[in-house]
Structure formats: C-alpha cells, structure tokens
Amino acid sequence: MKHLLLICISFISLQITAQNTKNIQLYYVSLEEGKANPLEEKQVTSPTEKIRWGHEIAVYPEIEFQTIEGIGGAFNEIGGEALLSLGNAKQKEVLENLFALDNAGFTFCRTAIGASDFGIDAYSYSEVFEDYKMKHFSIKRDKKYVLPYIKGALKVNPDLLVFGSPWSPPAWMKINNSMTGLTEKPNMFRDEDKVYKAYAKYFVNYVEEYAKNGVKIDRIAIQNENDANTKYPSCTMPPAQMLKFATEYMIPAFEKNNLDTKIYAGTFRTAEQLDLIEFLKMEKANQLAGVGLQYTNPLIITDAIKINPNLKMFHTEGHCYNGKNSVEQANHRLEEISEYINSGLTNYCYWNMILNETTESGWEWTQNSLINIDRTNKTVQYNPDYNAMYIVSKFIKPGDVRISSISKKPMITVKSPDGKVKILIQNTDKKDSPYRLTIGAKVQEFMIPANGITAIVID
C-alpha cells in the first residue's frame, strides 16, 4: 500500500478510506479571501459509492521532462518602500509568510536593474551623461528600499535565487536620451562600440556592487520586453542587436571579471512579433545560457523548445491584471502557471509581491499583488493570489522534475528527488467533485473540494 497525501490549498489532516490506500490526508485553502496564514482545516469525504462518473487524472512518473528551478515573485521599489513603512516585527512577519520554508517558501525571484514600471520614478545607476568609464556608477538609490527588501528575504531563505533585468539602459545610452519611451526620437539603444562597452561595464558593476551588499545575482536577462515602447522605462532592442551586445561585449566582460552570473536573452514576449523565434534561429544564440519569457503563448513556447532544445527557458513575469485583486482573477492563477510549466519552462515568477494601498505604479496605472500594505494605517492585506501562490510554491520546489500526466482540469505534476509524486490540481466545479487518480496499475478515488487548488503527494 502506498501512502497518499492529498493537499488542497491549505492544511488539513484527516483519515478517509479509499480504494488501494489506508490513509488519505487532505489539506485545503479557499481562494475566497487572502489570509496571512491560509492553513485551515476542512472536512473532506471520499465518494459514498463506487464512482460511475467523475474527473480523471492519469500520471506517468517514469516519463520525465525539465527540472524545476523554483516559484516566486518580483521585488520592486514601490513594494520595498511599502514594506519598510512597517515596524520591524511586521516586516519580519510579512517576509516570513513569503519566504519561510514552513510558509509559502518562495525560491525564485526577480529584481529590476534600475527602475521598472513599479519604481517610484525613473532612474538608473549611471546618471552622468556619457560616463563611458562608469566613474559615477552608483547603486545608492537601491540601498534605500530595494536592497533592504531583498536582503530581508535572503535572511529568511538564504537559498533564494535572484535574477535581474533592466527596463531601460541609462538615458544617455539611448537615441532619445530618455529612460521612458513614446518620444519623438526612437526609444532604442545606441548602436555604437563605446556605448556597448559602457553598458557591459554597467552590468559588471551592478553584479559586483550587489555582491558587496550581500545579494548574489544568479542571472541577468538583457532587456525586459525588448519590443516595448512605453510611457514608463523601456527600450526597444531587436534580437540581432541583443545577440551582438551579449556575445561581443557582455559575455567577454563577465569572463574578464570572473563573474559567474549567467547571461540570458530576453525577456521576450509575443505581443506583436516573434522576436523569440527570430533569436533562437540565430547562429550564436547558444553562446547565451538561455532565454527569459513572459506573456507568451504556450504553443509558441513548445515551438521554441523544439527549435532550440539546448537553451534553458525560464519564466520572468506573471499576469499583472488591474489592481482589483479579485477572487475570479486568482481562480485563473494555477491555469497560467500550469501553462508555462507544462510547456517546458523551469519556473514561474509572479509579478508584484508587495504594493502599497494605491496599487499604482510610478506612472499611475494599477496592478495586482500578493500583498498590499497601507503605509498610513500600517496594515497588511493578503490578496486571493497569495493563497494560490502559497500552495504552488509550498509543493513545487527546486530539483523537482516535471512528469507526464493528463486531466481536463488545470494541473501540474512533478516528482521530487526523494521519489515523491506531487500533483497540483484545481477543481473548477462549483461543488465538491469525485476524482479518479490512476498511476500505473494503482487507482484511487476521492472527493476534491470546490473553489480550491489541491495537491496530491504520493510517497
């Protein structure tokens, strides 16, 4: 008899009898509201009679795919400023709820290199015009909010992987001499040897300065949404220019300075063109460590992996929505995560982990977040997406391997290094429903609660 551990977005422990197993434990967390600790007990029963209908789950543990790197979200300046508005005890509580292994336990997170659209305003680390030698390079701005935010997370989880990407190079490195786009002149990187060399030095300094401040940058994606031309920091960088910069300037500069931070193309998306596919077909693409992707159709991802299976592809930003932080939006989160991971990506990275009470960016547009902090009242609000991300990160860990499976419901199946099979599945029905799980010759039947994400762990 195998020990079967059932989990549904929060933690419950109960015994029920089902075919081929003595003990089934079911844990559930509702998506109806966000909670600082989404672990609540819920009675779940097995089918009262043999299932004549129901939802089928079939899992094939012997068929393995990519190794998972982790689950997490993005640090940003607005979130850091909101977090630091709290007292030390509340800051610690928020960070532990996000990063402690016995809570959500995030393992794979993003930070902006300079200002993102959720920076307080536009800035870079090189503000002096044509400072090609980076004599005035400084990360002083990040020391106020961003670095304390990241270092607080690392204190809770020292193994947290952090990657970075810029939304824009320093303004003077661009044709329009502006961090932001929608300008009269092109919002593009200057195609000049001295500018390429200066930008490579910029990245070297960034990695070295962050390391001096206790933060190791595991990898860098060269340009966030390289096709974007927006009112907030952005820069259009065609795939050919990105490859030229990476192979002729950035990679040699990192090697010369003995940096082991990996260099990735992207972040690519598929808003209006297929820069990802164009890049993968280029002769020197394999000199980079891989590719970062966001807002990309799963079919295009599977095509990309077929084109270049040797390049690692990872996820960089989840759906940001509109600041409503609704239950309905959270109900789509596992579906999104499963599409990216089941397409072959190695991780999932939520966007804003923390925002303030306005939910607004520095450019007056609202987005969702896992947590909102009211800076005046010093209150912390956990949103429905927090519950969804909590269960996913709790049970999908670095080193797990995706395995083959099928279901008509949103689902992810992985196998951990110790041999456990873990299934995350969402019952989208409006009522508790019977499910039949088949693994080889073993068949298990049980009820899965409505309005939640269930994790099944088979030891």
Protein backbone atom coordinates (compact mmCIF):
# COMPACT_ATOMS: atom_id res chain seq x y z
CA MET A 1 0.00 0.00 0.00
CA LYS A 2 1.27 3.44 -0.85
CA HIS A 3 0.87 6.38 1.48
CA LEU A 4 -1.18 9.06 -0.29
CA LEU A 5 -1.07 12.62 0.89
CA LEU A 6 -3.79 14.87 -0.52
CA ILE A 7 -3.46 18.60 -0.22
CA CYS A 8 -5.91 21.34 -1.31
CA ILE A 9 -4.62 24.88 -0.94
CA SER A 10 -4.44 24.80 2.87
CA PHE A 11 -3.54 22.32 5.54
CA ILE A 12 -5.90 19.76 6.96
CA SER A 13 -5.17 16.32 8.25
CA LEU A 14 -7.83 13.67 8.11
CA GLN A 15 -8.25 9.96 7.57
CA ILE A 16 -10.59 8.52 4.93
CA THR A 17 -10.86 5.14 3.32
CA ALA A 18 -10.42 4.76 -0.43
CA GLN A 19 -9.50 2.04 -2.86
CA ASN A 20 -5.87 0.81 -2.61
CA THR A 21 -4.91 3.05 0.30
CA LYS A 22 -5.40 3.16 4.06
CA ASN A 23 -4.58 6.79 4.74
CA ILE A 24 -5.52 9.87 2.73
CA GLN A 25 -4.77 13.29 4.17
CA LEU A 26 -6.50 16.31 2.64
CA TYR A 27 -5.37 19.93 3.09
CA TYR A 28 -7.40 22.87 1.78
CA VAL A 29 -7.18 26.66 1.46
CA SER A 30 -10.03 28.62 -0.10
CA LEU A 31 -9.34 31.27 -2.73
CA GLU A 32 -12.33 33.27 -1.49
CA GLU A 33 -10.14 35.55 0.59
CA GLY A 34 -6.48 36.10 1.23
CA LYS A 35 -5.06 35.15 4.60
CA ALA A 36 -1.68 35.71 6.22
CA ASN A 37 -1.72 32.01 7.06
CA PRO A 38 -4.03 30.17 4.64
CA LEU A 39 -3.89 26.90 6.60
CA GLU A 40 -7.35 25.96 7.78
CA GLU A 41 -8.90 22.56 8.44
CA LYS A 42 -11.75 21.36 6.23
CA GLN A 43 -13.61 18.06 6.39
CA VAL A 44 -13.45 16.24 3.07
CA THR A 45 -15.15 12.90 2.40
CA SER A 46 -14.47 10.08 -0.03
CA PRO A 47 -17.19 9.06 -2.52
CA THR A 48 -20.04 7.30 -0.73
CA GLU A 49 -20.26 4.72 -3.53
CA LYS A 50 -18.14 3.49 -6.40
CA ILE A 51 -17.55 6.30 -8.89
CA ARG A 52 -19.61 5.85 -12.04
CA TRP A 53 -18.56 9.24 -13.33
CA GLY A 54 -16.00 11.78 -12.31
CA HIS A 55 -12.88 13.64 -13.32
CA GLU A 56 -9.93 11.52 -14.39
CA ILE A 57 -6.27 12.10 -13.52
CA ALA A 58 -3.63 9.88 -15.12
CA VAL A 59 0.04 10.25 -14.11
CA TYR A 60 3.13 8.62 -15.66
CA PRO A 61 6.05 9.12 -13.22
CA GLU A 62 8.54 7.30 -15.46
CA ILE A 63 8.17 9.94 -18.22
CA GLU A 64 10.27 12.94 -17.15
CA PHE A 65 10.78 16.43 -18.60
CA GLN A 66 12.51 19.59 -17.33
CA THR A 67 13.93 20.15 -13.84
CA ILE A 68 12.13 22.85 -11.87
CA GLU A 69 14.15 25.85 -10.63
CA GLY A 70 11.52 27.34 -8.33
CA ILE A 71 8.47 29.51 -7.72
CA GLY A 72 8.44 33.16 -6.61
CA GLY A 73 7.70 36.78 -7.47
CA ALA A 74 9.28 40.17 -8.11
CA PHE A 75 10.86 42.69 -5.78
CA ASN A 76 10.23 46.32 -6.73
CA GLU A 77 10.94 49.76 -5.30
CA ILE A 78 7.30 50.60 -4.52
CA GLY A 79 6.93 47.30 -2.66
CA GLY A 80 10.14 47.89 -0.73
CA GLU A 81 9.01 51.38 0.30
CA ALA A 82 5.67 49.96 1.49
CA LEU A 83 7.36 47.14 3.42
CA LEU A 84 9.76 49.49 5.17
CA SER A 85 6.86 51.69 6.30
CA LEU A 86 6.02 48.93 8.78
CA GLY A 87 7.70 48.32 12.11
CA ASN A 88 10.43 45.68 12.30
CA ALA A 89 8.14 43.00 13.75
CA LYS A 90 5.54 43.36 10.99
CA GLN A 91 8.23 43.47 8.31
CA LYS A 92 9.62 40.19 9.62
CA GLU A 93 6.15 38.63 9.68
CA VAL A 94 5.45 39.58 6.03
CA LEU A 95 8.82 38.29 4.84
CA GLU A 96 8.43 35.03 6.74
CA ASN A 97 4.97 34.49 5.23
CA LEU A 98 6.50 34.86 1.76
CA PHE A 99 9.88 33.15 2.12
CA ALA A 100 9.98 30.82 5.13
CA LEU A 101 10.01 27.15 4.11
CA ASP A 102 7.14 26.35 6.51
CA ASN A 103 5.05 29.08 4.84
CA ALA A 104 4.92 29.98 1.13
CA GLY A 105 8.67 29.37 0.85
CA PHE A 106 9.38 31.29 -2.37
CA THR A 107 12.59 30.14 -4.03
CA PHE A 108 12.99 32.04 -7.34
CA CYS A 109 12.57 35.83 -7.52
CA ARG A 110 13.19 38.80 -9.80
CA THR A 111 14.50 42.32 -9.31
CA ALA A 112 14.81 45.27 -11.66
CA ILE A 113 18.21 46.63 -12.71
CA GLY A 114 17.43 50.31 -12.20
CA ALA A 115 13.82 51.47 -12.45
CA SER A 116 10.99 49.21 -13.55
CA ASP A 117 7.43 50.43 -14.17
CA PHE A 118 6.95 49.84 -10.44
CA GLY A 119 9.85 52.02 -9.44
CA ILE A 120 8.80 55.22 -7.70
CA ASP A 121 10.14 57.12 -10.71
CA ALA A 122 12.71 56.64 -13.49
CA TYR A 123 16.35 56.17 -12.53
CA SER A 124 19.48 54.25 -13.49
CA TYR A 125 22.86 53.66 -11.86
CA SER A 126 24.62 55.92 -14.37
CA GLU A 127 23.07 59.37 -14.33
CA VAL A 128 26.10 61.34 -15.54
CA PHE A 129 25.92 61.99 -19.29
CA GLU A 130 28.37 59.92 -21.38
CA ASP A 131 30.16 58.42 -18.38
CA TYR A 132 31.67 55.69 -20.55
CA LYS A 133 34.11 54.54 -17.85
CA MET A 134 31.32 54.30 -15.23
CA LYS A 135 33.26 56.56 -12.86
CA HIS A 136 29.99 57.80 -11.37
CA PHE A 137 28.20 54.44 -11.28
CA SER A 138 26.18 54.08 -8.06
CA ILE A 139 23.51 51.79 -6.60
CA LYS A 140 22.88 54.26 -3.75
CA ARG A 141 19.20 54.58 -4.72
CA ASP A 142 18.64 50.82 -4.28
CA LYS A 143 20.08 50.90 -0.77
CA LYS A 144 17.04 52.82 0.48
CA TYR A 145 14.24 50.37 -0.38
CA VAL A 146 15.19 47.63 -2.86
CA LEU A 147 18.24 46.10 -1.18
CA PRO A 148 16.70 46.03 2.34
CA TYR A 149 13.68 44.25 0.80
CA ILE A 150 15.83 41.62 -0.95
CA LYS A 151 18.22 41.18 1.98
CA GLY A 152 15.26 40.70 4.32
CA ALA A 153 14.03 37.89 2.09
CA LEU A 154 17.50 36.30 1.96
CA LYS A 155 17.70 36.39 5.74
CA VAL A 156 14.58 34.20 5.83
CA ASN A 157 15.63 31.98 2.90
CA PRO A 158 19.40 32.16 2.19
CA ASP A 159 18.97 29.80 -0.79
CA LEU A 160 16.64 32.18 -2.63
CA LEU A 161 17.64 32.57 -6.30
CA VAL A 162 17.55 36.20 -7.50
CA PHE A 163 17.71 37.27 -11.15
CA GLY A 164 17.73 40.78 -12.61
CA SER A 165 16.70 42.57 -15.78
CA PRO A 166 16.67 46.24 -16.82
CA TRP A 167 13.59 48.02 -18.16
CA SER A 168 15.86 50.62 -19.75
CA PRO A 169 19.56 51.37 -20.09
CA PRO A 170 20.72 54.73 -18.72
CA ALA A 171 19.01 57.52 -20.68
CA TRP A 172 22.20 58.76 -22.33
CA MET A 173 22.84 55.33 -23.87
CA LYS A 174 19.64 55.64 -25.93
CA ILE A 175 18.87 57.57 -29.11
CA ASN A 176 16.06 59.52 -27.41
CA ASN A 177 18.18 60.31 -24.31
CA SER A 178 15.24 59.25 -22.12
CA MET A 179 14.57 56.33 -19.77
CA THR A 180 10.97 56.29 -20.98
CA GLY A 181 9.52 55.76 -24.44
CA LEU A 182 6.79 57.31 -26.61
CA THR A 183 9.22 60.09 -27.52
CA GLU A 184 9.85 61.92 -30.78
CA LYS A 185 13.17 60.16 -31.29
CA PRO A 186 13.41 56.33 -31.35
CA ASN A 187 13.32 54.61 -27.96
CA MET A 188 16.34 52.48 -28.90
CA PHE A 189 19.80 51.58 -27.63
CA ARG A 190 22.62 53.41 -29.43
CA ASP A 191 24.41 51.11 -31.88
CA GLU A 192 27.93 52.34 -31.04
CA ASP A 193 31.02 50.46 -29.88
CA LYS A 194 31.74 52.81 -26.97
CA VAL A 195 28.15 52.57 -25.75
CA TYR A 196 28.18 48.75 -25.89
CA LYS A 197 31.41 48.72 -23.87
CA ALA A 198 29.99 51.15 -21.31
CA TYR A 199 26.80 49.09 -20.91
CA ALA A 200 28.77 45.87 -20.42
CA LYS A 201 30.77 47.67 -17.70
CA TYR A 202 27.44 48.84 -16.21
CA PHE A 203 26.30 45.23 -15.79
CA VAL A 204 29.66 44.14 -14.34
CA ASN A 205 29.48 46.92 -11.76
CA TYR A 206 25.89 46.01 -10.90
CA VAL A 207 26.72 42.36 -10.19
CA GLU A 208 29.82 43.28 -8.19
CA GLU A 209 28.11 46.01 -6.13
CA TYR A 210 25.12 43.82 -5.32
CA ALA A 211 27.51 41.05 -4.23
CA LYS A 212 29.29 43.50 -1.92
CA ASN A 213 25.89 44.25 -0.39
CA GLY A 214 25.09 40.60 0.23
CA VAL A 215 22.96 39.80 -2.83
CA LYS A 216 24.17 37.33 -5.45
CA ILE A 217 22.58 37.82 -8.87
CA ASP A 218 22.22 34.36 -10.39
CA ARG A 219 21.39 35.56 -13.92
CA ILE A 220 20.56 38.61 -15.97
CA ALA A 221 18.02 38.85 -18.78
CA ILE A 222 19.44 41.59 -21.00
CA GLN A 223 16.32 43.64 -21.73
CA ASN A 224 12.80 43.45 -20.30
CA GLU A 225 10.19 43.22 -23.09
CA ASN A 226 12.63 44.16 -25.80
CA ASP A 227 9.81 45.15 -28.17
CA ALA A 228 8.18 47.62 -25.75
CA ASN A 229 7.92 51.38 -26.33
CA THR A 230 6.01 52.74 -23.34
CA LYS A 231 5.46 55.80 -21.16
CA TYR A 232 7.38 54.07 -18.37
CA PRO A 233 11.04 52.88 -18.58
CA SER A 234 11.52 50.74 -21.68
CA CYS A 235 13.84 50.18 -24.62
CA THR A 236 13.37 48.50 -27.97
CA MET A 237 16.27 46.18 -28.70
CA PRO A 238 15.95 43.91 -31.77
CA PRO A 239 17.16 40.30 -31.36
CA ALA A 240 20.19 40.88 -33.61
CA GLN A 241 21.34 43.84 -31.50
CA MET A 242 20.76 41.91 -28.27
CA LEU A 243 22.83 38.99 -29.57
CA LYS A 244 25.61 41.31 -30.75
CA PHE A 245 25.77 43.03 -27.36
CA ALA A 246 25.72 39.73 -25.46
CA THR A 247 28.32 37.81 -27.48
CA GLU A 248 30.75 40.62 -28.36
CA TYR A 249 30.62 42.73 -25.19
CA MET A 250 28.70 41.45 -22.17
CA ILE A 251 29.88 37.82 -22.09
CA PRO A 252 33.56 38.79 -22.62
CA ALA A 253 33.28 41.45 -19.90
CA PHE A 254 31.83 38.94 -17.42
CA GLU A 255 34.55 36.41 -18.26
CA LYS A 256 37.29 39.03 -17.88
CA ASN A 257 35.97 39.94 -14.42
CA ASN A 258 35.48 36.29 -13.37
CA LEU A 259 31.73 36.68 -12.85
CA ASP A 260 29.66 33.51 -12.79
CA THR A 261 26.35 35.35 -13.21
CA LYS A 262 24.67 33.81 -16.25
CA ILE A 263 23.53 35.86 -19.24
CA TYR A 264 20.12 35.18 -20.78
CA ALA A 265 18.37 36.66 -23.80
CA GLY A 266 15.01 38.35 -23.33
CA THR A 267 12.76 38.93 -21.69
CA PHE A 268 10.79 38.11 -24.84
CA ARG A 269 7.02 38.21 -25.20
CA THR A 270 4.63 37.68 -28.11
CA ALA A 271 2.65 40.92 -28.15
CA GLU A 272 3.05 41.75 -31.84
CA GLN A 273 6.04 39.82 -33.18
CA LEU A 274 8.08 36.66 -32.69
CA ASP A 275 11.43 38.02 -31.52
CA LEU A 276 11.89 34.82 -29.50
CA ILE A 277 11.78 32.60 -32.58
CA GLU A 278 13.94 35.03 -34.55
CA PHE A 279 16.57 34.97 -31.80
CA LEU A 280 16.62 31.18 -31.47
CA LYS A 281 17.33 30.76 -35.17
CA MET A 282 20.47 32.94 -34.98
CA GLU A 283 23.85 31.24 -35.28
CA LYS A 284 25.37 32.43 -31.97
CA ALA A 285 22.25 32.10 -29.81
CA ASN A 286 23.70 29.11 -27.94
CA GLN A 287 26.52 31.23 -26.53
CA LEU A 288 23.97 32.53 -24.02
CA ALA A 289 22.79 30.48 -21.04
CA GLY A 290 19.15 30.60 -22.08
CA VAL A 291 16.08 32.75 -22.66
CA GLY A 292 13.64 34.54 -20.36
CA LEU A 293 9.95 34.65 -21.36
CA GLN A 294 6.76 36.37 -20.27
CA TYR A 295 3.28 36.83 -21.76
CA THR A 296 3.98 34.12 -24.32
CA ASN A 297 1.51 31.69 -25.87
CA PRO A 298 2.20 28.08 -24.72
CA LEU A 299 2.17 26.84 -28.31
CA ILE A 300 4.96 29.29 -29.18
CA ILE A 301 6.95 28.09 -26.16
CA THR A 302 6.73 24.46 -27.25
CA ASP A 303 7.75 25.51 -30.78
CA ALA A 304 10.70 27.44 -29.34
CA ILE A 305 11.91 24.44 -27.35
CA LYS A 306 11.72 22.27 -30.47
CA ILE A 307 13.76 24.86 -32.40
CA ASN A 308 16.50 25.05 -29.78
CA PRO A 309 16.19 22.38 -27.06
CA ASN A 310 19.70 23.13 -25.74
CA LEU A 311 18.80 26.57 -24.37
CA LYS A 312 17.18 26.75 -20.92
CA MET A 313 13.94 28.73 -20.97
CA PHE A 314 12.52 30.30 -17.82
CA HIS A 315 9.52 32.43 -16.86
CA THR A 316 10.01 36.06 -15.84
CA GLU A 317 6.63 37.75 -15.16
CA GLY A 318 3.06 36.63 -14.42
CA HIS A 319 -0.22 38.24 -15.44
CA CYS A 320 -0.46 41.57 -13.58
CA TYR A 321 -4.20 42.31 -14.10
CA ASN A 322 -5.60 45.69 -12.97
CA GLY A 323 -5.28 46.12 -9.22
CA LYS A 324 -8.67 44.61 -8.34
CA ASN A 325 -7.06 41.55 -6.72
CA SER A 326 -10.30 39.63 -7.17
CA VAL A 327 -11.16 36.02 -6.42
CA GLU A 328 -12.05 35.50 -10.06
CA GLN A 329 -8.56 36.61 -11.13
CA ALA A 330 -6.94 34.32 -8.54
CA ASN A 331 -9.01 31.43 -9.89
CA HIS A 332 -7.00 31.68 -13.13
CA ARG A 333 -3.57 31.64 -11.50
CA LEU A 334 -2.94 27.88 -11.44
CA GLU A 335 -4.15 27.70 -15.03
CA GLU A 336 -1.49 30.27 -16.02
CA ILE A 337 1.26 28.59 -14.00
CA SER A 338 0.43 25.17 -15.44
CA GLU A 339 0.54 26.51 -19.00
CA TYR A 340 4.08 27.83 -18.55
CA ILE A 341 5.49 24.85 -16.66
CA ASN A 342 3.72 22.24 -18.79
CA SER A 343 5.08 23.99 -21.90
CA GLY A 344 8.62 23.32 -20.67
CA LEU A 345 9.70 26.38 -18.64
CA THR A 346 11.69 25.77 -15.45
CA ASN A 347 9.83 28.09 -13.07
CA TYR A 348 7.03 30.57 -12.52
CA CYS A 349 7.65 34.15 -11.36
CA TYR A 350 4.68 36.19 -10.14
CA TRP A 351 4.97 39.95 -10.71
CA ASN A 352 4.47 42.35 -7.75
CA MET A 353 4.78 40.51 -4.46
CA ILE A 354 4.06 43.69 -2.46
CA LEU A 355 2.42 47.01 -3.40
CA ASN A 356 1.12 49.89 -1.30
CA GLU A 357 -2.52 50.81 -0.66
CA THR A 358 -2.91 52.58 -4.03
CA THR A 359 -1.83 49.53 -6.11
CA GLU A 360 -0.41 52.12 -8.55
CA SER A 361 2.89 52.30 -10.38
CA GLY A 362 5.01 55.42 -10.64
CA TRP A 363 3.19 56.04 -13.93
CA GLU A 364 -0.34 55.93 -12.48
CA TRP A 365 -1.56 52.53 -13.52
CA THR A 366 -2.82 49.84 -11.17
CA GLN A 367 -1.78 46.20 -10.93
CA ASN A 368 -2.39 43.18 -8.73
CA SER A 369 -0.07 41.98 -5.98
CA LEU A 370 0.10 39.22 -3.43
CA ILE A 371 0.11 41.71 -0.57
CA ASN A 372 -0.96 45.35 -0.15
CA ILE A 373 0.47 47.44 2.70
CA ASP A 374 -1.30 50.59 3.86
CA ARG A 375 1.56 52.93 4.71
CA THR A 376 -0.57 55.25 6.86
CA ASN A 377 -2.54 52.72 8.87
CA LYS A 378 0.34 50.19 8.94
CA THR A 379 -1.99 47.36 7.93
CA VAL A 380 -1.20 44.34 5.74
CA GLN A 381 -3.73 42.86 3.31
CA TYR A 382 -3.17 39.38 1.84
CA ASN A 383 -4.94 39.01 -1.51
CA PRO A 384 -6.51 35.86 -3.06
CA ASP A 385 -3.49 35.39 -5.34
CA TYR A 386 -1.35 34.95 -2.23
CA ASN A 387 -3.25 31.75 -1.40
CA ALA A 388 -2.79 30.39 -4.92
CA MET A 389 0.93 31.17 -4.96
CA TYR A 390 1.31 29.82 -1.43
CA ILE A 391 0.22 26.30 -2.33
CA VAL A 392 2.14 26.20 -5.60
CA SER A 393 5.41 27.28 -4.00
CA LYS A 394 4.79 25.07 -0.98
CA PHE A 395 4.81 21.92 -3.08
CA ILE A 396 6.80 22.69 -6.23
CA LYS A 397 10.44 23.01 -5.24
CA PRO A 398 13.84 23.39 -6.95
CA GLY A 399 15.08 19.99 -8.10
CA ASP A 400 11.63 18.58 -8.78
CA VAL A 401 11.18 17.13 -12.27
CA ARG A 402 8.01 17.60 -14.30
CA ILE A 403 6.40 14.28 -15.22
CA SER A 404 3.78 13.31 -17.78
CA SER A 405 0.10 13.49 -16.84
CA ILE A 406 -3.34 14.31 -18.20
CA SER A 407 -6.51 15.88 -16.82
CA LYS A 408 -9.22 18.21 -18.10
CA LYS A 409 -8.56 20.50 -15.13
CA PRO A 410 -5.59 22.88 -14.61
CA MET A 411 -2.84 20.61 -13.26
CA ILE A 412 0.91 20.32 -12.71
CA THR A 413 2.64 17.04 -11.83
CA VAL A 414 6.21 16.75 -10.59
CA LYS A 415 8.47 14.18 -8.95
CA SER A 416 10.84 15.22 -6.16
CA PRO A 417 14.41 13.89 -5.79
CA ASP A 418 13.27 11.56 -2.98
CA GLY A 419 10.74 9.92 -5.32
CA LYS A 420 7.54 11.60 -4.11
CA VAL A 421 4.97 12.38 -6.82
CA LYS A 422 3.21 15.73 -6.31
CA ILE A 423 0.07 16.75 -8.16
CA LEU A 424 -1.40 20.25 -8.05
CA ILE A 425 -4.89 20.39 -9.49
CA GLN A 426 -7.78 22.85 -9.34
CA ASN A 427 -11.40 21.78 -9.05
CA THR A 428 -13.15 24.43 -11.12
CA ASP A 429 -16.59 22.95 -10.38
CA LYS A 430 -18.93 24.86 -8.09
CA LYS A 431 -19.27 21.83 -5.82
CA ASP A 432 -17.05 19.10 -4.38
CA SER A 433 -16.47 16.54 -7.13
CA PRO A 434 -15.30 12.91 -7.38
CA TYR A 435 -11.89 12.26 -8.94
CA ARG A 436 -10.22 9.05 -10.05
CA LEU A 437 -6.42 9.00 -9.98
CA THR A 438 -4.57 6.37 -12.00
CA ILE A 439 -0.83 5.75 -11.64
CA GLY A 440 0.22 2.56 -13.37
CA ALA A 441 -1.98 -0.25 -12.04
CA LYS A 442 -3.00 1.74 -8.95
CA VAL A 443 -6.36 3.54 -8.89
CA GLN A 444 -7.51 5.92 -6.14
CA GLU A 445 -10.93 7.53 -5.81
CA PHE A 446 -11.70 10.58 -3.67
CA MET A 447 -13.60 13.86 -3.49
CA ILE A 448 -11.83 17.15 -4.20
CA PRO A 449 -13.32 20.34 -2.72
CA ALA A 450 -14.62 23.16 -4.90
CA ASN A 451 -13.01 26.61 -5.10
CA GLY A 452 -9.52 25.46 -4.27
CA ILE A 453 -6.27 24.04 -5.54
CA THR A 454 -5.50 20.52 -4.42
CA ALA A 455 -2.06 18.98 -4.06
CA ILE A 456 -1.72 15.22 -4.00
CA VAL A 457 1.58 13.86 -2.73
CA ILE A 458 2.29 10.17 -3.25
CA ASP A 459 5.17 8.77 -1.23
